[in-house]
Amino acid sequence: MIVTNNPDVREAKLMETEFIQGTPLDVLQKVSEHLDAGMHLVTPPLSANNRLNRSPYRSVLIAQKSSWSGNEQDLLNRAISHLALQGFVNDITADADYRWIDFEHLKTAIEEAKRYQVI
């Protein structure tokens, strides 16, 4: 399942998608609810690049099958705290670029998750 606020991801219908009208923090809050209900993170809640963490779009892949060890809720809570302090870019001229980057990263994550039979 994908939890996202990226309209391009919603329109692509790659798999079951929950669209969140809101910020990346809202997306992570919804992911937290899913973790509490027994789902697991497949993709990390933050990007590897701090600049991309300021993107106004966030897509997180979750699944019923656990794909790694560690405290997922702790990781998610740290991500939420980080994003809350950092804030987001509000640059309309780069909006399409941020949507595209988020979407491309998600597509790669889905391919990898399928290859390793996580989803």
C-alpha atoms as a PDB file:
ATOM      1  CA  MET A   1       0.000   0.000   0.000  1.00  0.00           C
ATOM      2  CA  ILE A   2       1.178   3.514  -0.799  1.00  0.00           C
ATOM      3  CA  VAL A   3       0.441   6.444   1.503  1.00  0.00           C
ATOM      4  CA  THR A   4       1.059   9.698  -0.358  1.00  0.00           C
ATOM      5  CA  ASN A   5       0.189  13.338  -0.809  1.00  0.00           C
ATOM      6  CA  ASN A   6       1.548  13.323  -4.372  1.00  0.00           C
ATOM      7  CA  PRO A   7      -1.297  13.676  -6.902  1.00  0.00           C
ATOM      8  CA  ASP A   8       0.849  12.084  -9.640  1.00  0.00           C
ATOM      9  CA  VAL A   9       1.164   8.921  -7.554  1.00  0.00           C
ATOM     10  CA  ARG A  10      -2.580   8.845  -6.918  1.00  0.00           C
ATOM     11  CA  GLU A  11      -3.338   9.231 -10.630  1.00  0.00           C
ATOM     12  CA  ALA A  12      -0.862   6.498 -11.635  1.00  0.00           C
ATOM     13  CA  LYS A  13      -2.758   3.839  -9.638  1.00  0.00           C
ATOM     14  CA  LEU A  14       0.353   1.667  -9.257  1.00  0.00           C
ATOM     15  CA  MET A  15      -1.222  -0.273  -6.399  1.00  0.00           C
ATOM     16  CA  GLU A  16      -3.574   0.356  -3.488  1.00  0.00           C
ATOM     17  CA  THR A  17      -3.029   4.007  -2.586  1.00  0.00           C
ATOM     18  CA  GLU A  18      -4.251   6.154   0.250  1.00  0.00           C
ATOM     19  CA  PHE A  19      -4.130   9.791  -0.804  1.00  0.00           C
ATOM     20  CA  ILE A  20      -3.613  12.339   1.949  1.00  0.00           C
ATOM     21  CA  GLN A  21      -4.635  15.918   1.323  1.00  0.00           C
ATOM     22  CA  GLY A  22      -1.935  17.627   3.334  1.00  0.00           C
ATOM     23  CA  THR A  23       1.758  17.907   4.103  1.00  0.00           C
ATOM     24  CA  PRO A  24       4.425  15.215   4.352  1.00  0.00           C
ATOM     25  CA  LEU A  25       3.837  15.328   8.115  1.00  0.00           C
ATOM     26  CA  ASP A  26       0.214  14.371   7.515  1.00  0.00           C
ATOM     27  CA  VAL A  27       1.405  11.471   5.360  1.00  0.00           C
ATOM     28  CA  LEU A  28       3.724  10.251   8.118  1.00  0.00           C
ATOM     29  CA  GLN A  29       0.970  10.578  10.723  1.00  0.00           C
ATOM     30  CA  LYS A  30      -1.243   8.340   8.573  1.00  0.00           C
ATOM     31  CA  VAL A  31       1.625   5.863   8.148  1.00  0.00           C
ATOM     32  CA  SER A  32       1.949   5.827  11.941  1.00  0.00           C
ATOM     33  CA  GLU A  33      -1.712   4.846  12.228  1.00  0.00           C
ATOM     34  CA  HIS A  34      -1.123   1.991   9.783  1.00  0.00           C
ATOM     35  CA  LEU A  35       1.910   0.799  11.759  1.00  0.00           C
ATOM     36  CA  ASP A  36      -0.210   0.805  14.911  1.00  0.00           C
ATOM     37  CA  ALA A  37      -2.691  -1.397  13.012  1.00  0.00           C
ATOM     38  CA  GLY A  38       0.010  -3.949  12.151  1.00  0.00           C
ATOM     39  CA  MET A  39       1.464  -2.736   8.853  1.00  0.00           C
ATOM     40  CA  HIS A  40       5.224  -2.381   8.289  1.00  0.00           C
ATOM     41  CA  LEU A  41       7.482   0.129   6.589  1.00  0.00           C
ATOM     42  CA  VAL A  42       8.901  -0.931   3.245  1.00  0.00           C
ATOM     43  CA  THR A  43      10.450   2.425   2.395  1.00  0.00           C
ATOM     44  CA  PRO A  44      12.049   4.784   4.893  1.00  0.00           C
ATOM     45  CA  PRO A  45      10.013   7.804   5.962  1.00  0.00           C
ATOM     46  CA  LEU A  46      12.857  10.200   5.077  1.00  0.00           C
ATOM     47  CA  SER A  47      14.943  10.620   1.945  1.00  0.00           C
ATOM     48  CA  ALA A  48      18.654   9.971   1.966  1.00  0.00           C
ATOM     49  CA  ASN A  49      19.109  13.563   0.813  1.00  0.00           C
ATOM     50  CA  ASN A  50      18.271  16.327   3.293  1.00  0.00           C
ATOM     51  CA  ARG A  51      17.257  18.704   0.491  1.00  0.00           C
ATOM     52  CA  LEU A  52      14.665  16.179  -0.690  1.00  0.00           C
ATOM     53  CA  ASN A  53      13.329  15.934   2.855  1.00  0.00           C
ATOM     54  CA  ARG A  54      12.114  19.512   2.383  1.00  0.00           C
ATOM     55  CA  SER A  55       9.971  18.414  -0.574  1.00  0.00           C
ATOM     56  CA  PRO A  56       6.261  19.146  -0.221  1.00  0.00           C
ATOM     57  CA  TYR A  57       5.541  15.575  -1.408  1.00  0.00           C
ATOM     58  CA  ARG A  58       6.061  12.296   0.414  1.00  0.00           C
ATOM     59  CA  SER A  59       5.158   8.767  -0.605  1.00  0.00           C
ATOM     60  CA  VAL A  60       5.729   5.859   1.765  1.00  0.00           C
ATOM     61  CA  LEU A  61       5.323   2.214   0.844  1.00  0.00           C
ATOM     62  CA  ILE A  62       3.981  -0.050   3.598  1.00  0.00           C
ATOM     63  CA  ALA A  63       3.067  -3.737   3.652  1.00  0.00           C
ATOM     64  CA  GLN A  64       1.750  -6.458   5.902  1.00  0.00           C
ATOM     65  CA  LYS A  65       5.060  -8.313   5.640  1.00  0.00           C
ATOM     66  CA  SER A  66       7.989  -7.021   7.667  1.00  0.00           C
ATOM     67  CA  SER A  67      11.036  -6.381   5.502  1.00  0.00           C
ATOM     68  CA  TRP A  68      13.660  -5.362   8.081  1.00  0.00           C
ATOM     69  CA  SER A  69      14.373  -5.484  11.769  1.00  0.00           C
ATOM     70  CA  GLY A  70      14.304  -2.485  14.031  1.00  0.00           C
ATOM     71  CA  ASN A  71      11.778  -0.281  15.755  1.00  0.00           C
ATOM     72  CA  GLU A  72       9.713   1.093  12.885  1.00  0.00           C
ATOM     73  CA  GLN A  73       7.583   3.342  15.075  1.00  0.00           C
ATOM     74  CA  ASP A  74      10.692   4.889  16.636  1.00  0.00           C
ATOM     75  CA  LEU A  75      12.134   5.553  13.176  1.00  0.00           C
ATOM     76  CA  LEU A  76       8.869   7.109  12.068  1.00  0.00           C
ATOM     77  CA  ASN A  77       8.614   9.269  15.188  1.00  0.00           C
ATOM     78  CA  ARG A  78      12.142  10.552  14.608  1.00  0.00           C
ATOM     79  CA  ALA A  79      11.273  11.350  11.001  1.00  0.00           C
ATOM     80  CA  ILE A  80       8.172  13.249  12.096  1.00  0.00           C
ATOM     81  CA  SER A  81      10.210  15.258  14.592  1.00  0.00           C
ATOM     82  CA  HIS A  82      12.862  16.027  11.991  1.00  0.00           C
ATOM     83  CA  LEU A  83      10.350  17.182   9.391  1.00  0.00           C
ATOM     84  CA  ALA A  84       8.450  19.265  11.933  1.00  0.00           C
ATOM     85  CA  LEU A  85      11.618  21.185  12.769  1.00  0.00           C
ATOM     86  CA  GLN A  86      12.901  21.464   9.227  1.00  0.00           C
ATOM     87  CA  GLY A  87       9.815  22.585   7.305  1.00  0.00           C
ATOM     88  CA  PHE A  88       9.082  22.265   3.592  1.00  0.00           C
ATOM     89  CA  VAL A  89       9.811  24.064   0.362  1.00  0.00           C
ATOM     90  CA  ASN A  90       7.003  26.209  -0.953  1.00  0.00           C
ATOM     91  CA  ASP A  91       8.337  26.923  -4.443  1.00  0.00           C
ATOM     92  CA  ILE A  92       5.586  26.730  -7.050  1.00  0.00           C
ATOM     93  CA  THR A  93       8.134  26.822  -9.885  1.00  0.00           C
ATOM     94  CA  ALA A  94       9.646  23.534  -8.692  1.00  0.00           C
ATOM     95  CA  ASP A  95       6.354  21.778  -7.845  1.00  0.00           C
ATOM     96  CA  ALA A  96       6.384  19.465 -10.876  1.00  0.00           C
ATOM     97  CA  ASP A  97      10.009  18.557 -10.188  1.00  0.00           C
ATOM     98  CA  TYR A  98       9.273  17.586  -6.584  1.00  0.00           C
ATOM     99  CA  ARG A  99       6.279  15.497  -7.662  1.00  0.00           C
ATOM    100  CA  TRP A 100       8.408  13.744 -10.320  1.00  0.00           C
ATOM    101  CA  ILE A 101      11.312  12.975  -7.963  1.00  0.00           C
ATOM    102  CA  ASP A 102       8.981  11.523  -5.330  1.00  0.00           C
ATOM    103  CA  PHE A 103       7.194   9.437  -7.972  1.00  0.00           C
ATOM    104  CA  GLU A 104      10.413   8.089  -9.505  1.00  0.00           C
ATOM    105  CA  HIS A 105      11.814   7.107  -6.106  1.00  0.00           C
ATOM    106  CA  LEU A 106       8.557   5.331  -5.310  1.00  0.00           C
ATOM    107  CA  LYS A 107       8.527   3.399  -8.583  1.00  0.00           C
ATOM    108  CA  THR A 108      12.066   2.182  -7.911  1.00  0.00           C
ATOM    109  CA  ALA A 109      11.093   1.142  -4.373  1.00  0.00           C
ATOM    110  CA  ILE A 110       8.089  -0.800  -5.682  1.00  0.00           C
ATOM    111  CA  GLU A 111      10.266  -2.655  -8.209  1.00  0.00           C
ATOM    112  CA  GLU A 112      12.763  -3.580  -5.480  1.00  0.00           C
ATOM    113  CA  ALA A 113      10.033  -4.632  -3.046  1.00  0.00           C
ATOM    114  CA  LYS A 114       8.534  -6.914  -5.694  1.00  0.00           C
ATOM    115  CA  ARG A 115      11.934  -8.376  -6.520  1.00  0.00           C
ATOM    116  CA  TYR A 116      12.491  -9.260  -2.849  1.00  0.00           C
ATOM    117  CA  GLN A 117       8.867 -10.399  -2.423  1.00  0.00           C
ATOM    118  CA  VAL A 118       8.040  -7.851   0.248  1.00  0.00           C
ATOM    119  CA  ILE A 119       4.861  -6.792  -1.536  1.00  0.00           C
END
